[in-house]
Protein backbone atom coordinates (compact mmCIF):
# COMPACT_ATOMS: atom_id res chain seq x y z
CA MET A 1 29.36 21.41 -31.94
CA MET A 2 26.94 23.75 -30.13
CA ARG A 3 23.98 21.74 -31.43
CA PHE A 4 25.53 18.55 -30.05
CA LEU A 5 26.01 20.10 -26.59
CA LEU A 6 22.42 21.35 -26.51
CA ALA A 7 21.10 17.93 -27.52
CA ALA A 8 23.24 16.21 -24.88
CA GLY A 9 22.05 18.68 -22.22
CA ALA A 10 18.41 18.08 -23.16
CA LEU A 11 18.90 14.31 -22.84
CA VAL A 12 20.44 14.69 -19.40
CA LEU A 13 17.57 16.88 -18.21
CA ALA A 14 14.95 14.55 -19.68
CA GLY A 15 16.67 11.54 -18.12
CA ASN A 16 16.64 13.11 -14.66
CA THR A 17 12.88 13.71 -14.71
CA ALA A 18 12.10 10.14 -15.77
CA PHE A 19 13.26 8.68 -12.48
CA GLY A 20 11.40 8.90 -9.24
CA ALA A 21 11.19 7.34 -5.84
CA SER A 22 10.74 3.60 -5.70
CA ALA A 23 8.99 1.27 -3.28
CA ILE A 24 9.89 -2.37 -2.73
CA ASN A 25 7.54 -4.72 -0.88
CA LYS A 26 9.69 -7.50 0.61
CA ASP A 27 6.73 -8.91 2.56
CA THR A 28 4.73 -11.98 1.58
CA GLU A 29 1.46 -10.04 1.65
CA PRO A 30 0.31 -6.89 -0.16
CA ARG A 31 0.99 -3.46 1.36
CA THR A 32 -0.48 -0.04 0.56
CA LEU A 33 1.14 3.38 0.54
CA ILE A 34 -0.89 6.57 0.27
CA VAL A 35 0.84 9.05 -2.04
CA THR A 36 -0.09 12.75 -2.03
CA GLU A 37 1.33 14.48 -5.07
CA GLY A 38 0.20 17.80 -6.48
CA GLY A 39 -2.73 17.97 -4.06
CA SER A 40 -4.25 14.61 -4.99
CA LYS A 41 -4.11 11.40 -2.94
CA THR A 42 -3.61 8.00 -4.52
CA GLU A 43 -3.42 4.56 -2.98
CA LEU A 44 -0.38 2.70 -4.25
CA ALA A 45 -0.94 -1.03 -3.73
CA LEU A 46 2.17 -3.18 -3.84
CA ALA A 47 1.82 -6.93 -4.25
CA ALA A 48 4.20 -9.25 -2.39
CA GLY A 49 7.68 -8.85 -3.87
CA GLU A 50 6.66 -5.99 -6.17
CA THR A 51 8.77 -2.90 -6.93
CA VAL A 52 7.23 0.29 -8.35
CA GLU A 53 8.50 3.75 -9.28
CA PHE A 54 6.46 6.84 -8.44
CA CYS A 55 6.80 10.43 -7.25
CA ALA A 56 9.13 11.93 -9.88
CA ASN A 57 8.85 15.50 -8.58
CA GLY A 58 8.41 15.12 -4.84
CA CYS A 59 5.43 14.01 -2.79
CA PHE A 60 4.22 12.98 0.66
CA VAL A 61 3.83 9.29 1.47
CA THR A 62 1.79 7.76 4.27
CA MET A 63 3.42 4.48 5.27
CA PRO A 64 1.54 1.29 6.25
CA ASN A 65 1.94 2.17 9.97
CA GLY A 66 0.53 5.70 9.48
CA ASP A 67 3.82 7.64 9.49
CA ARG A 68 3.98 10.40 6.88
CA GLU A 69 7.20 11.35 5.09
CA ALA A 70 8.14 13.91 2.46
CA LEU A 71 10.05 12.54 -0.54
CA THR A 72 12.07 14.45 -3.11
CA GLY A 73 11.79 11.71 -5.72
CA SER A 74 15.15 9.97 -5.34
CA GLU A 75 14.48 7.75 -2.31
CA THR A 76 13.75 4.05 -2.04
CA ILE A 77 11.09 2.84 0.40
CA GLU A 78 11.66 -0.73 1.55
CA ILE A 79 8.75 -2.51 3.23
CA SER A 80 9.64 -5.52 5.36
CA GLY A 81 7.70 -7.01 8.27
CA GLY A 82 4.96 -4.41 7.77
CA VAL A 83 7.43 -1.59 8.44
CA ALA A 84 8.55 0.88 5.78
CA ARG A 85 12.06 2.34 5.82
CA ILE A 86 13.45 5.06 3.58
CA LYS A 87 16.87 4.34 2.12
């Protein structure tokens, strides 16, 4: 029984780390977010209509309009009309 509980706990912990923040580009043209995670910057290009997951352990994101936000890894960024909103 103890072995089962440990295995179930490990699956729950592993499942939580697999998910991260997501970004949805609802525009008809590509948009770019700049993600700073662990001290390194990466450009995250989103094609029109694309959804991507990123930032599993927290990061900073620079939005298309230049605003910078801190994410914990559970948020959804929705880009529409060139404006990004965190939900």
